Amino acid sequence: MRVAVIGASEDRAKFGNKAVRALRHAGHEVVPINPRRARAAGRIEGLPAYASVDDVPGPVDVATLYVHPAVGEGVLPEIAAKGISELWVNPGAESDSLLVRAKALGLDTRLQCSILAVDESPALY
């Protein structure tokens, strides 16, 4: 499964980084999304960072949000336009308006920690 981690971080203490590591450990292809790292031609855990979902070459199966709800809501149209049908909304990334908009865009939205969703523990990362 190819997973876009929106809000991926180079800071190993942040959940946006823990998710990158946990998803890779679980065997998934991970695509970090972080506009600041991408502008600096940066990498996150050795992977190239992209500025947006639109910039990612090829298909993506799942998007997982590790950003403030207002930021996440702004990214939803890109997620839908990319053909990503499944959206994982992590604790702290959810809001009522985000969930309503995701549903209106036809996204299969799951309120869950993506690290736990792949049977990993955040404490391991």
PDB file of N, CA and C in Angstrom:
ATOM      1  N   MET A   1       0.852  -1.169   0.000  1.00  0.00           N
ATOM      2  CA  MET A   1       0.000   0.000   0.000  1.00  0.00           C
ATOM      3  C   MET A   1       0.903   1.239   0.000  1.00  0.00           C
ATOM      4  N   ARG A   2       0.558   2.228  -0.802  1.00  0.00           N
ATOM      5  CA  ARG A   2       1.310   3.481  -0.871  1.00  0.00           C
ATOM      6  C   ARG A   2       0.566   4.532  -0.045  1.00  0.00           C
ATOM      7  N   VAL A   3       1.256   5.077   0.961  1.00  0.00           N
ATOM      8  CA  VAL A   3       0.626   5.971   1.930  1.00  0.00           C
ATOM      9  C   VAL A   3       1.305   7.339   1.922  1.00  0.00           C
ATOM     10  N   ALA A   4       0.514   8.391   1.743  1.00  0.00           N
ATOM     11  CA  ALA A   4       1.012   9.761   1.857  1.00  0.00           C
ATOM     12  C   ALA A   4       0.833  10.218   3.297  1.00  0.00           C
ATOM     13  N   VAL A   5       1.937  10.586   3.943  1.00  0.00           N
ATOM     14  CA  VAL A   5       1.896  11.099   5.310  1.00  0.00           C
ATOM     15  C   VAL A   5       1.941  12.620   5.222  1.00  0.00           C
ATOM     16  N   ILE A   6       0.782  13.235   5.370  1.00  0.00           N
ATOM     17  CA  ILE A   6       0.658  14.686   5.257  1.00  0.00           C
ATOM     18  C   ILE A   6       0.956  15.298   6.618  1.00  0.00           C
ATOM     19  N   GLY A   7       2.053  16.040   6.657  1.00  0.00           N
ATOM     20  CA  GLY A   7       2.548  16.557   7.928  1.00  0.00           C
ATOM     21  C   GLY A   7       3.720  15.738   8.432  1.00  0.00           C
ATOM     22  N   ALA A   8       4.353  14.987   7.519  1.00  0.00           N
ATOM     23  CA  ALA A   8       5.548  14.229   7.891  1.00  0.00           C
ATOM     24  C   ALA A   8       6.596  15.197   8.426  1.00  0.00           C
ATOM     25  N   SER A   9       7.360  14.740   9.399  1.00  0.00           N
ATOM     26  CA  SER A   9       8.339  15.610  10.056  1.00  0.00           C
ATOM     27  C   SER A   9       9.702  14.941  10.116  1.00  0.00           C
ATOM     28  N   GLU A  10      10.744  15.760  10.082  1.00  0.00           N
ATOM     29  CA  GLU A  10      12.094  15.234  10.273  1.00  0.00           C
ATOM     30  C   GLU A  10      12.413  15.053  11.755  1.00  0.00           C
ATOM     31  N   ASP A  11      11.586  15.605  12.629  1.00  0.00           N
ATOM     32  CA  ASP A  11      11.765  15.502  14.079  1.00  0.00           C
ATOM     33  C   ASP A  11      11.260  14.137  14.548  1.00  0.00           C
ATOM     34  N   ARG A  12      12.175  13.279  14.962  1.00  0.00           N
ATOM     35  CA  ARG A  12      11.820  11.903  15.327  1.00  0.00           C
ATOM     36  C   ARG A  12      10.907  11.818  16.549  1.00  0.00           C
ATOM     37  N   ALA A  13      10.753  12.886  17.311  1.00  0.00           N
ATOM     38  CA  ALA A  13       9.858  12.887  18.471  1.00  0.00           C
ATOM     39  C   ALA A  13       8.409  13.157  18.074  1.00  0.00           C
ATOM     40  N   LYS A  14       8.192  13.652  16.862  1.00  0.00           N
ATOM     41  CA  LYS A  14       6.835  14.006  16.421  1.00  0.00           C
ATOM     42  C   LYS A  14       6.144  12.811  15.764  1.00  0.00           C
ATOM     43  N   PHE A  15       4.826  12.778  15.927  1.00  0.00           N
ATOM     44  CA  PHE A  15       4.057  11.671  15.371  1.00  0.00           C
ATOM     45  C   PHE A  15       4.101  11.644  13.847  1.00  0.00           C
ATOM     46  N   GLY A  16       4.304  12.783  13.209  1.00  0.00           N
ATOM     47  CA  GLY A  16       4.448  12.813  11.757  1.00  0.00           C
ATOM     48  C   GLY A  16       5.695  12.094  11.275  1.00  0.00           C
ATOM     49  N   ASN A  17       6.671  11.923  12.145  1.00  0.00           N
ATOM     50  CA  ASN A  17       7.863  11.136  11.832  1.00  0.00           C
ATOM     51  C   ASN A  17       7.670   9.690  12.270  1.00  0.00           C
ATOM     52  N   LYS A  18       7.105   9.514  13.449  1.00  0.00           N
ATOM     53  CA  LYS A  18       6.850   8.159  13.945  1.00  0.00           C
ATOM     54  C   LYS A  18       5.994   7.377  12.949  1.00  0.00           C
ATOM     55  N   ALA A  19       5.021   8.060  12.332  1.00  0.00           N
ATOM     56  CA  ALA A  19       4.156   7.403  11.353  1.00  0.00           C
ATOM     57  C   ALA A  19       4.952   6.948  10.138  1.00  0.00           C
ATOM     58  N   VAL A  20       5.856   7.789   9.664  1.00  0.00           N
ATOM     59  CA  VAL A  20       6.698   7.407   8.521  1.00  0.00           C
ATOM     60  C   VAL A  20       7.448   6.120   8.846  1.00  0.00           C
ATOM     61  N   ARG A  21       8.068   6.079  10.007  1.00  0.00           N
ATOM     62  CA  ARG A  21       8.852   4.901  10.391  1.00  0.00           C
ATOM     63  C   ARG A  21       7.979   3.671  10.620  1.00  0.00           C
ATOM     64  N   ALA A  22       6.853   3.839  11.302  1.00  0.00           N
ATOM     65  CA  ALA A  22       5.973   2.699  11.595  1.00  0.00           C
ATOM     66  C   ALA A  22       5.368   2.124  10.322  1.00  0.00           C
ATOM     67  N   LEU A  23       4.925   2.989   9.424  1.00  0.00           N
ATOM     68  CA  LEU A  23       4.325   2.513   8.175  1.00  0.00           C
ATOM     69  C   LEU A  23       5.354   1.788   7.317  1.00  0.00           C
ATOM     70  N   ARG A  24       6.571   2.305   7.261  1.00  0.00           N
ATOM     71  CA  ARG A  24       7.636   1.618   6.516  1.00  0.00           C
ATOM     72  C   ARG A  24       7.930   0.263   7.151  1.00  0.00           C
ATOM     73  N   HIS A  25       8.020   0.239   8.478  1.00  0.00           N
ATOM     74  CA  HIS A  25       8.296  -1.012   9.185  1.00  0.00           C
ATOM     75  C   HIS A  25       7.214  -2.048   8.900  1.00  0.00           C
ATOM     76  N   ALA A  26       5.986  -1.592   8.722  1.00  0.00           N
ATOM     77  CA  ALA A  26       4.862  -2.489   8.429  1.00  0.00           C
ATOM     78  C   ALA A  26       4.829  -2.900   6.953  1.00  0.00           C
ATOM     79  N   GLY A  27       5.780  -2.412   6.157  1.00  0.00           N
ATOM     80  CA  GLY A  27       5.886  -2.849   4.769  1.00  0.00           C
ATOM     81  C   GLY A  27       5.227  -1.957   3.742  1.00  0.00           C
ATOM     82  N   HIS A  28       4.788  -0.781   4.144  1.00  0.00           N
ATOM     83  CA  HIS A  28       4.123   0.126   3.207  1.00  0.00           C
ATOM     84  C   HIS A  28       5.128   1.065   2.551  1.00  0.00           C
ATOM     85  N   GLU A  29       4.807   1.483   1.340  1.00  0.00           N
ATOM     86  CA  GLU A  29       5.591   2.514   0.665  1.00  0.00           C
ATOM     87  C   GLU A  29       5.084   3.857   1.180  1.00  0.00           C
ATOM     88  N   VAL A  30       5.972   4.656   1.738  1.00  0.00           N
ATOM     89  CA  VAL A  30       5.584   5.910   2.378  1.00  0.00           C
ATOM     90  C   VAL A  30       6.048   7.096   1.547  1.00  0.00           C
ATOM     91  N   VAL A  31       5.143   8.066   1.410  1.00  0.00           N
ATOM     92  CA  VAL A  31       5.430   9.299   0.684  1.00  0.00           C
ATOM     93  C   VAL A  31       5.248  10.464   1.666  1.00  0.00           C
ATOM     94  N   PRO A  32       6.352  11.055   2.150  1.00  0.00           N
ATOM     95  CA  PRO A  32       6.232  12.183   3.075  1.00  0.00           C
ATOM     96  C   PRO A  32       5.794  13.462   2.359  1.00  0.00           C
ATOM     97  N   ILE A  33       4.828  14.156   2.952  1.00  0.00           N
ATOM     98  CA  ILE A  33       4.372  15.448   2.433  1.00  0.00           C
ATOM     99  C   ILE A  33       4.715  16.506   3.481  1.00  0.00           C
ATOM    100  N   ASN A  34       5.599  17.434   3.098  1.00  0.00           N
ATOM    101  CA  ASN A  34       6.006  18.518   3.983  1.00  0.00           C
ATOM    102  C   ASN A  34       6.562  19.640   3.107  1.00  0.00           C
ATOM    103  N   PRO A  35       5.790  20.705   2.902  1.00  0.00           N
ATOM    104  CA  PRO A  35       6.223  21.770   1.986  1.00  0.00           C
ATOM    105  C   PRO A  35       7.580  22.386   2.327  1.00  0.00           C
ATOM    106  N   ARG A  36       7.867  22.589   3.597  1.00  0.00           N
ATOM    107  CA  ARG A  36       9.158  23.197   3.969  1.00  0.00           C
ATOM    108  C   ARG A  36      10.328  22.292   3.633  1.00  0.00           C
ATOM    109  N   ARG A  37      10.204  21.016   3.934  1.00  0.00           N
ATOM    110  CA  ARG A  37      11.294  20.077   3.631  1.00  0.00           C
ATOM    111  C   ARG A  37      11.458  19.938   2.120  1.00  0.00           C
ATOM    112  N   ALA A  38      10.361  19.929   1.381  1.00  0.00           N
ATOM    113  CA  ALA A  38      10.431  19.772  -0.072  1.00  0.00           C
ATOM    114  C   ALA A  38      11.128  20.966  -0.713  1.00  0.00           C
ATOM    115  N   ARG A  39      10.829  22.176  -0.242  1.00  0.00           N
ATOM    116  CA  ARG A  39      11.473  23.378  -0.803  1.00  0.00           C
ATOM    117  C   ARG A  39      12.979  23.346  -0.591  1.00  0.00           C
ATOM    118  N   ALA A  40      13.405  22.725   0.464  1.00  0.00           N
ATOM    119  CA  ALA A  40      14.834  22.628   0.768  1.00  0.00           C
ATOM    120  C   ALA A  40      15.444  21.366   0.159  1.00  0.00           C
ATOM    121  N   ALA A  41      14.701  20.733  -0.756  1.00  0.00           N
ATOM    122  CA  ALA A  41      15.129  19.463  -1.363  1.00  0.00           C
ATOM    123  C   ALA A  41      15.461  18.455  -0.269  1.00  0.00           C
ATOM    124  N   GLY A  42      14.671  18.506   0.783  1.00  0.00           N
ATOM    125  CA  GLY A  42      14.933  17.682   1.949  1.00  0.00           C
ATOM    126  C   GLY A  42      14.376  16.276   1.860  1.00  0.00           C
ATOM    127  N   ARG A  43      14.822  15.503   2.807  1.00  0.00           N
ATOM    128  CA  ARG A  43      14.375  14.128   2.912  1.00  0.00           C
ATOM    129  C   ARG A  43      13.887  13.917   4.348  1.00  0.00           C
ATOM    130  N   ILE A  44      12.990  12.977   4.489  1.00  0.00           N
ATOM    131  CA  ILE A  44      12.495  12.590   5.802  1.00  0.00           C
ATOM    132  C   ILE A  44      12.699  11.094   5.920  1.00  0.00           C
ATOM    133  N   GLU A  45      13.514  10.700   6.880  1.00  0.00           N
ATOM    134  CA  GLU A  45      13.873   9.287   7.068  1.00  0.00           C
ATOM    135  C   GLU A  45      14.398   8.673   5.764  1.00  0.00           C
ATOM    136  N   GLY A  46      15.176   9.468   5.028  1.00  0.00           N
ATOM    137  CA  GLY A  46      15.787   8.989   3.792  1.00  0.00           C
ATOM    138  C   GLY A  46      14.899   9.045   2.568  1.00  0.00           C
ATOM    139  N   LEU A  47      13.653   9.452   2.739  1.00  0.00           N
ATOM    140  CA  LEU A  47      12.701   9.516   1.629  1.00  0.00           C
ATOM    141  C   LEU A  47      12.550  10.956   1.148  1.00  0.00           C
ATOM    142  N   PRO A  48      12.410  11.169  -0.166  1.00  0.00           N
ATOM    143  CA  PRO A  48      12.198  12.538  -0.644  1.00  0.00           C
ATOM    144  C   PRO A  48      10.862  13.078  -0.153  1.00  0.00           C
ATOM    145  N   ALA A  49      10.881  14.319   0.312  1.00  0.00           N
ATOM    146  CA  ALA A  49       9.654  14.973   0.771  1.00  0.00           C
ATOM    147  C   ALA A  49       9.045  15.753  -0.382  1.00  0.00           C
ATOM    148  N   TYR A  50       7.733  15.696  -0.490  1.00  0.00           N
ATOM    149  CA  TYR A  50       6.995  16.427  -1.517  1.00  0.00           C
ATOM    150  C   TYR A  50       6.255  17.587  -0.866  1.00  0.00           C
ATOM    151  N   ALA A  51       6.083  18.658  -1.636  1.00  0.00           N
ATOM    152  CA  ALA A  51       5.422  19.855  -1.116  1.00  0.00           C
ATOM    153  C   ALA A  51       3.925  19.671  -0.977  1.00  0.00           C
ATOM    154  N   SER A  52       3.340  18.844  -1.831  1.00  0.00           N
ATOM    155  CA  SER A  52       1.889  18.654  -1.809  1.00  0.00           C
ATOM    156  C   SER A  52       1.542  17.288  -2.373  1.00  0.00           C
ATOM    157  N   VAL A  53       0.323  16.884  -2.166  1.00  0.00           N
ATOM    158  CA  VAL A  53      -0.170  15.632  -2.729  1.00  0.00           C
ATOM    159  C   VAL A  53      -0.108  15.696  -4.253  1.00  0.00           C
ATOM    160  N   ASP A  54      -0.396  16.864  -4.817  1.00  0.00           N
ATOM    161  CA  ASP A  54      -0.344  17.041  -6.275  1.00  0.00           C
ATOM    162  C   ASP A  54       1.033  16.739  -6.849  1.00  0.00           C
ATOM    163  N   ASP A  55       2.086  16.974  -6.083  1.00  0.00           N
ATOM    164  CA  ASP A  55       3.453  16.785  -6.571  1.00  0.00           C
ATOM    165  C   ASP A  55       3.910  15.331  -6.580  1.00  0.00           C
ATOM    166  N   VAL A  56       3.184  14.458  -5.944  1.00  0.00           N
ATOM    167  CA  VAL A  56       3.583  13.055  -5.835  1.00  0.00           C
ATOM    168  C   VAL A  56       3.357  12.353  -7.172  1.00  0.00           C
ATOM    169  N   PRO A  57       4.403  11.755  -7.743  1.00  0.00           N
ATOM    170  CA  PRO A  57       4.208  11.010  -8.986  1.00  0.00           C
ATOM    171  C   PRO A  57       3.488   9.686  -8.722  1.00  0.00           C
ATOM    172  N   GLY A  58       2.609   9.324  -9.620  1.00  0.00           N
ATOM    173  CA  GLY A  58       1.923   8.043  -9.518  1.00  0.00           C
ATOM    174  C   GLY A  58       0.795   8.030  -8.511  1.00  0.00           C
ATOM    175  N   PRO A  59       0.140   6.883  -8.432  1.00  0.00           N
ATOM    176  CA  PRO A  59      -1.023   6.760  -7.541  1.00  0.00           C
ATOM    177  C   PRO A  59      -0.627   6.623  -6.071  1.00  0.00           C
ATOM    178  N   VAL A  60      -1.563   6.988  -5.219  1.00  0.00           N
ATOM    179  CA  VAL A  60      -1.425   6.844  -3.766  1.00  0.00           C
ATOM    180  C   VAL A  60      -2.702   6.179  -3.273  1.00  0.00           C
ATOM    181  N   ASP A  61      -2.574   5.212  -2.386  1.00  0.00           N
ATOM    182  CA  ASP A  61      -3.735   4.462  -1.897  1.00  0.00           C
ATOM    183  C   ASP A  61      -4.427   5.121  -0.712  1.00  0.00           C
ATOM    184  N   VAL A  62      -3.626   5.648   0.216  1.00  0.00           N
ATOM    185  CA  VAL A  62      -4.156   6.181   1.470  1.00  0.00           C
ATOM    186  C   VAL A  62      -3.425   7.478   1.802  1.00  0.00           C
ATOM    187  N   ALA A  63      -4.155   8.428   2.367  1.00  0.00           N
ATOM    188  CA  ALA A  63      -3.540   9.632   2.930  1.00  0.00           C
ATOM    189  C   ALA A  63      -3.809   9.629   4.421  1.00  0.00           C
ATOM    190  N   THR A  64      -2.813  10.013   5.201  1.00  0.00           N
ATOM    191  CA  THR A  64      -2.975  10.113   6.641  1.00  0.00           C
ATOM    192  C   THR A  64      -2.568  11.513   7.080  1.00  0.00           C
ATOM    193  N   LEU A  65      -3.423  12.146   7.869  1.00  0.00           N
ATOM    194  CA  LEU A  65      -3.228  13.540   8.264  1.00  0.00           C
ATOM    195  C   LEU A  65      -2.563  13.675   9.623  1.00  0.00           C
ATOM    196  N   TYR A  66      -1.455  14.418   9.652  1.00  0.00           N
ATOM    197  CA  TYR A  66      -0.768  14.810  10.886  1.00  0.00           C
ATOM    198  C   TYR A  66      -0.590  16.320  10.884  1.00  0.00           C
ATOM    199  N   VAL A  67      -1.664  17.032  10.604  1.00  0.00           N
ATOM    200  CA  VAL A  67      -1.642  18.494  10.540  1.00  0.00           C
ATOM    201  C   VAL A  67      -2.851  19.055  11.284  1.00  0.00           C
ATOM    202  N   HIS A  68      -2.817  20.354  11.550  1.00  0.00           N
ATOM    203  CA  HIS A  68      -3.939  21.049  12.177  1.00  0.00           C
ATOM    204  C   HIS A  68      -5.183  20.872  11.292  1.00  0.00           C
ATOM    205  N   PRO A  69      -6.369  20.751  11.878  1.00  0.00           N
ATOM    206  CA  PRO A  69      -7.584  20.549  11.085  1.00  0.00           C
ATOM    207  C   PRO A  69      -7.781  21.567   9.961  1.00  0.00           C
ATOM    208  N   ALA A  70      -7.459  22.831  10.194  1.00  0.00           N
ATOM    209  CA  ALA A  70      -7.640  23.843   9.143  1.00  0.00           C
ATOM    210  C   ALA A  70      -6.728  23.567   7.949  1.00  0.00           C
ATOM    211  N   VAL A  71      -5.517  23.113   8.212  1.00  0.00           N
ATOM    212  CA  VAL A  71      -4.591  22.752   7.133  1.00  0.00           C
ATOM    213  C   VAL A  71      -5.109  21.509   6.413  1.00  0.00           C
ATOM    214  N   GLY A  72      -5.530  20.522   7.185  1.00  0.00           N
ATOM    215  CA  GLY A  72      -6.060  19.294   6.603  1.00  0.00           C
ATOM    216  C   GLY A  72      -7.258  19.544   5.718  1.00  0.00           C
ATOM    217  N   GLU A  73      -8.134  20.427   6.163  1.00  0.00           N
ATOM    218  CA  GLU A  73      -9.318  20.741   5.366  1.00  0.00           C
ATOM    219  C   GLU A  73      -8.917  21.335   4.014  1.00  0.00           C
ATOM    220  N   GLY A  74      -7.867  22.136   4.004  1.00  0.00           N
ATOM    221  CA  GLY A  74      -7.397  22.726   2.758  1.00  0.00           C
ATOM    222  C   GLY A  74      -6.778  21.727   1.801  1.00  0.00           C
ATOM    223  N   VAL A  75      -6.292  20.609   2.315  1.00  0.00           N
ATOM    224  CA  VAL A  75      -5.644  19.581   1.498  1.00  0.00           C
ATOM    225  C   VAL A  75      -6.656  18.580   0.929  1.00  0.00           C
ATOM    226  N   LEU A  76      -7.838  18.522   1.498  1.00  0.00           N
ATOM    227  CA  LEU A  76      -8.827  17.523   1.071  1.00  0.00           C
ATOM    228  C   LEU A  76      -9.109  17.527  -0.428  1.00  0.00           C
ATOM    229  N   PRO A  77      -9.275  18.688  -1.082  1.00  0.00           N
ATOM    230  CA  PRO A  77      -9.523  18.651  -2.529  1.00  0.00           C
ATOM    231  C   PRO A  77      -8.381  18.004  -3.313  1.00  0.00           C
ATOM    232  N   GLU A  78      -7.135  18.215  -2.894  1.00  0.00           N
ATOM    233  CA  GLU A  78      -5.986  17.571  -3.547  1.00  0.00           C
ATOM    234  C   GLU A  78      -6.056  16.059  -3.380  1.00  0.00           C
ATOM    235  N   ILE A  79      -6.410  15.629  -2.183  1.00  0.00           N
ATOM    236  CA  ILE A  79      -6.509  14.193  -1.902  1.00  0.00           C
ATOM    237  C   ILE A  79      -7.552  13.561  -2.812  1.00  0.00           C
ATOM    238  N   ALA A  80      -8.711  14.184  -2.893  1.00  0.00           N
ATOM    239  CA  ALA A  80      -9.786  13.656  -3.741  1.00  0.00           C
ATOM    240  C   ALA A  80      -9.390  13.689  -5.214  1.00  0.00           C
ATOM    241  N   ALA A  81      -8.775  14.783  -5.664  1.00  0.00           N
ATOM    242  CA  ALA A  81      -8.383  14.913  -7.074  1.00  0.00           C
ATOM    243  C   ALA A  81      -7.322  13.888  -7.459  1.00  0.00           C
ATOM    244  N   LYS A  82      -6.486  13.492  -6.515  1.00  0.00           N
ATOM    245  CA  LYS A  82      -5.437  12.499  -6.765  1.00  0.00           C
ATOM    246  C   LYS A  82      -6.021  11.096  -6.874  1.00  0.00           C
ATOM    247  N   GLY A  83      -7.289  10.945  -6.495  1.00  0.00           N
ATOM    248  CA  GLY A  83      -7.922   9.631  -6.555  1.00  0.00           C
ATOM    249  C   GLY A  83      -7.681   8.790  -5.319  1.00  0.00           C
ATOM    250  N   ILE A  84      -7.233   9.424  -4.250  1.00  0.00           N
ATOM    251  CA  ILE A  84      -7.028   8.722  -2.980  1.00  0.00           C
ATOM    252  C   ILE A  84      -8.396   8.603  -2.319  1.00  0.00           C
ATOM    253  N   SER A  85      -8.846   7.395  -2.124  1.00  0.00           N
ATOM    254  CA  SER A  85     -10.203   7.239  -1.597  1.00  0.00           C
ATOM    255  C   SER A  85     -10.241   7.065  -0.081  1.00  0.00           C
ATOM    256  N   GLU A  86      -9.123   6.647   0.516  1.00  0.00           N
ATOM    257  CA  GLU A  86      -9.116   6.379   1.956  1.00  0.00           C
ATOM    258  C   GLU A  86      -8.285   7.427   2.686  1.00  0.00           C
ATOM    259  N   LEU A  87      -8.876   7.994   3.733  1.00  0.00           N
ATOM    260  CA  LEU A  87      -8.232   9.045   4.513  1.00  0.00           C
ATOM    261  C   LEU A  87      -8.229   8.654   5.980  1.00  0.00           C
ATOM    262  N   TRP A  88      -7.038   8.628   6.577  1.00  0.00           N
ATOM    263  CA  TRP A  88      -6.919   8.387   8.010  1.00  0.00           C
ATOM    264  C   TRP A  88      -6.721   9.734   8.679  1.00  0.00           C
ATOM    265  N   VAL A  89      -7.588  10.059   9.618  1.00  0.00           N
ATOM    266  CA  VAL A  89      -7.508  11.325  10.347  1.00  0.00           C
ATOM    267  C   VAL A  89      -7.043  11.002  11.766  1.00  0.00           C
ATOM    268  N   ASN A  90      -5.822  11.400  12.072  1.00  0.00           N
ATOM    269  CA  ASN A  90      -5.203  11.090  13.351  1.00  0.00           C
ATOM    270  C   ASN A  90      -5.712  12.004  14.455  1.00  0.00           C
ATOM    271  N   PRO A  91      -5.591  11.580  15.712  1.00  0.00           N
ATOM    272  CA  PRO A  91      -6.013  12.429  16.824  1.00  0.00           C
ATOM    273  C   PRO A  91      -5.353  13.806  16.746  1.00  0.00           C
ATOM    274  N   GLY A  92      -6.157  14.837  16.894  1.00  0.00           N
ATOM    275  CA  GLY A  92      -5.679  16.208  16.812  1.00  0.00           C
ATOM    276  C   GLY A  92      -5.804  16.812  15.427  1.00  0.00           C
ATOM    277  N   ALA A  93      -6.021  15.982  14.416  1.00  0.00           N
ATOM    278  CA  ALA A  93      -6.165  16.470  13.037  1.00  0.00           C
ATOM    279  C   ALA A  93      -7.630  16.587  12.636  1.00  0.00           C
ATOM    280  N   GLU A  94      -8.535  16.186  13.529  1.00  0.00           N
ATOM    281  CA  GLU A  94      -9.957  16.137  13.178  1.00  0.00           C
ATOM    282  C   GLU A  94     -10.693  17.402  13.600  1.00  0.00           C
ATOM    283  N   SER A  95     -11.740  17.695  12.853  1.00  0.00           N
ATOM    284  CA  SER A  95     -12.709  18.737  13.215  1.00  0.00           C
ATOM    285  C   SER A  95     -14.014  18.366  12.527  1.00  0.00           C
ATOM    286  N   ASP A  96     -15.105  18.893  13.037  1.00  0.00           N
ATOM    287  CA  ASP A  96     -16.397  18.596  12.423  1.00  0.00           C
ATOM    288  C   ASP A  96     -16.422  19.040  10.966  1.00  0.00           C
ATOM    289  N   SER A  97     -15.907  20.231  10.685  1.00  0.00           N
ATOM    290  CA  SER A  97     -15.959  20.731   9.308  1.00  0.00           C
ATOM    291  C   SER A  97     -15.069  19.909   8.381  1.00  0.00           C
ATOM    292  N   LEU A  98     -13.929  19.430   8.865  1.00  0.00           N
ATOM    293  CA  LEU A  98     -13.069  18.571   8.052  1.00  0.00           C
ATOM    294  C   LEU A  98     -13.793  17.285   7.699  1.00  0.00           C
ATOM    295  N   LEU A  99     -14.443  16.684   8.668  1.00  0.00           N
ATOM    296  CA  LEU A  99     -15.146  15.422   8.427  1.00  0.00           C
ATOM    297  C   LEU A  99     -16.308  15.602   7.461  1.00  0.00           C
ATOM    298  N   VAL A 100     -17.035  16.702   7.589  1.00  0.00           N
ATOM    299  CA  VAL A 100     -18.152  16.980   6.675  1.00  0.00           C
ATOM    300  C   VAL A 100     -17.630  17.163   5.253  1.00  0.00           C
ATOM    301  N   ARG A 101     -16.547  17.925   5.119  1.00  0.00           N
ATOM    302  CA  ARG A 101     -15.987  18.181   3.785  1.00  0.00           C
ATOM    303  C   ARG A 101     -15.429  16.900   3.171  1.00  0.00           C
ATOM    304  N   ALA A 102     -14.763  16.076   3.963  1.00  0.00           N
ATOM    305  CA  ALA A 102     -14.220  14.809   3.464  1.00  0.00           C
ATOM    306  C   ALA A 102     -15.343  13.916   2.948  1.00  0.00           C
ATOM    307  N   LYS A 103     -16.428  13.859   3.692  1.00  0.00           N
ATOM    308  CA  LYS A 103     -17.571  13.050   3.266  1.00  0.00           C
ATOM    309  C   LYS A 103     -18.152  13.593   1.967  1.00  0.00           C
ATOM    310  N   ALA A 104     -18.270  14.918   1.862  1.00  0.00           N
ATOM    311  CA  ALA A 104     -18.814  15.536   0.648  1.00  0.00           C
ATOM    312  C   ALA A 104     -17.941  15.240  -0.568  1.00  0.00           C
ATOM    313  N   LEU A 105     -16.641  15.063  -0.345  1.00  0.00           N
ATOM    314  CA  LEU A 105     -15.722  14.750  -1.442  1.00  0.00           C
ATOM    315  C   LEU A 105     -15.657  13.252  -1.733  1.00  0.00           C
ATOM    316  N   GLY A 106     -16.400  12.461  -0.981  1.00  0.00           N
ATOM    317  CA  GLY A 106     -16.456  11.023  -1.221  1.00  0.00           C
ATOM    318  C   GLY A 106     -15.297  10.236  -0.641  1.00  0.00           C
ATOM    319  N   LEU A 107     -14.592  10.814   0.320  1.00  0.00           N
ATOM    320  CA  LEU A 107     -13.461  10.117   0.924  1.00  0.00           C
ATOM    321  C   LEU A 107     -13.933   9.156   2.011  1.00  0.00           C
ATOM    322  N   ASP A 108     -13.372   7.959   2.016  1.00  0.00           N
ATOM    323  CA  ASP A 108     -13.634   6.973   3.065  1.00  0.00           C
ATOM    324  C   ASP A 108     -12.760   7.371   4.250  1.00  0.00           C
ATOM    325  N   THR A 109     -13.362   8.051   5.210  1.00  0.00           N
ATOM    326  CA  THR A 109     -12.615   8.664   6.302  1.00  0.00           C
ATOM    327  C   THR A 109     -12.646   7.794   7.545  1.00  0.00           C
ATOM    328  N   ARG A 110     -11.467   7.594   8.116  1.00  0.00           N
ATOM    329  CA  ARG A 110     -11.344   6.797   9.333  1.00  0.00           C
ATOM    330  C   ARG A 110     -10.663   7.622  10.409  1.00  0.00           C
ATOM    331  N   LEU A 111     -11.341   7.763  11.522  1.00  0.00           N
ATOM    332  CA  LEU A 111     -10.760   8.471  12.670  1.00  0.00           C
ATOM    333  C   LEU A 111      -9.933   7.473  13.459  1.00  0.00           C
ATOM    334  N   GLN A 112      -8.630   7.493  13.219  1.00  0.00           N
ATOM    335  CA  GLN A 112      -7.764   6.547  13.905  1.00  0.00           C
ATOM    336  C   GLN A 112      -6.315   6.985  13.788  1.00  0.00           C
ATOM    337  N   CYS A 113      -5.527   6.531  14.701  1.00  0.00           N
ATOM    338  CA  CYS A 113      -4.088   6.745  14.634  1.00  0.00           C
ATOM    339  C   CYS A 113      -3.535   5.766  13.611  1.00  0.00           C
ATOM    340  N   SER A 114      -2.875   6.280  12.592  1.00  0.00           N
ATOM    341  CA  SER A 114      -2.385   5.395  11.534  1.00  0.00           C
ATOM    342  C   SER A 114      -1.287   4.457  12.031  1.00  0.00           C
ATOM    343  N   ILE A 115      -0.593   4.837  13.077  1.00  0.00           N
ATOM    344  CA  ILE A 115       0.432   3.947  13.636  1.00  0.00           C
ATOM    345  C   ILE A 115      -0.238   2.724  14.254  1.00  0.00           C
ATOM    346  N   LEU A 116      -1.286   2.957  15.028  1.00  0.00           N
ATOM    347  CA  LEU A 116      -2.028   1.839  15.619  1.00  0.00           C
ATOM    348  C   LEU A 116      -2.759   1.034  14.554  1.00  0.00           C
ATOM    349  N   ALA A 117      -3.175   1.687  13.477  1.00  0.00           N
ATOM    350  CA  ALA A 117      -3.914   1.002  12.409  1.00  0.00           C
ATOM    351  C   ALA A 117      -3.075  -0.074  11.733  1.00  0.00           C
ATOM    352  N   VAL A 118      -1.753   0.069  11.782  1.00  0.00           N
ATOM    353  CA  VAL A 118      -0.885  -0.954  11.192  1.00  0.00           C
ATOM    354  C   VAL A 118      -0.260  -1.833  12.279  1.00  0.00           C
ATOM    355  N   ASP A 119      -0.955  -1.897  13.417  1.00  0.00           N
ATOM    356  CA  ASP A 119      -0.561  -2.761  14.534  1.00  0.00           C
ATOM    357  C   ASP A 119       0.835  -2.470  15.071  1.00  0.00           C
ATOM    358  N   GLU A 120       1.172  -1.193  15.114  1.00  0.00           N
ATOM    359  CA  GLU A 120       2.437  -0.765  15.705  1.00  0.00           C
ATOM    360  C   GLU A 120       2.116   0.088  16.931  1.00  0.00           C
ATOM    361  N   SER A 121       3.098   0.287  17.773  1.00  0.00           N
ATOM    362  CA  SER A 121       2.940   1.150  18.941  1.00  0.00           C
ATOM    363  C   SER A 121       3.797   2.394  18.761  1.00  0.00           C
ATOM    364  N   PRO A 122       3.218   3.583  18.955  1.00  0.00           N
ATOM    365  CA  PRO A 122       4.028   4.798  18.858  1.00  0.00           C
ATOM    366  C   PRO A 122       5.233   4.780  19.805  1.00  0.00           C
ATOM    367  N   ALA A 123       5.124   4.061  20.904  1.00  0.00           N
ATOM    368  CA  ALA A 123       6.217   4.001  21.875  1.00  0.00           C
ATOM    369  C   ALA A 123       7.466   3.333  21.296  1.00  0.00           C
ATOM    370  N   LEU A 124       7.292   2.535  20.250  1.00  0.00           N
ATOM    371  CA  LEU A 124       8.432   1.860  19.627  1.00  0.00           C
ATOM    372  C   LEU A 124       9.247   2.796  18.758  1.00  0.00           C
ATOM    373  N   TYR A 125       8.691   3.952  18.452  1.00  0.00           N
ATOM    374  CA  TYR A 125       9.342   4.864  17.508  1.00  0.00           C
ATOM    375  C   TYR A 125       9.654   6.142  18.165  1.00  0.00           C
TER     376      TYR A 125
END
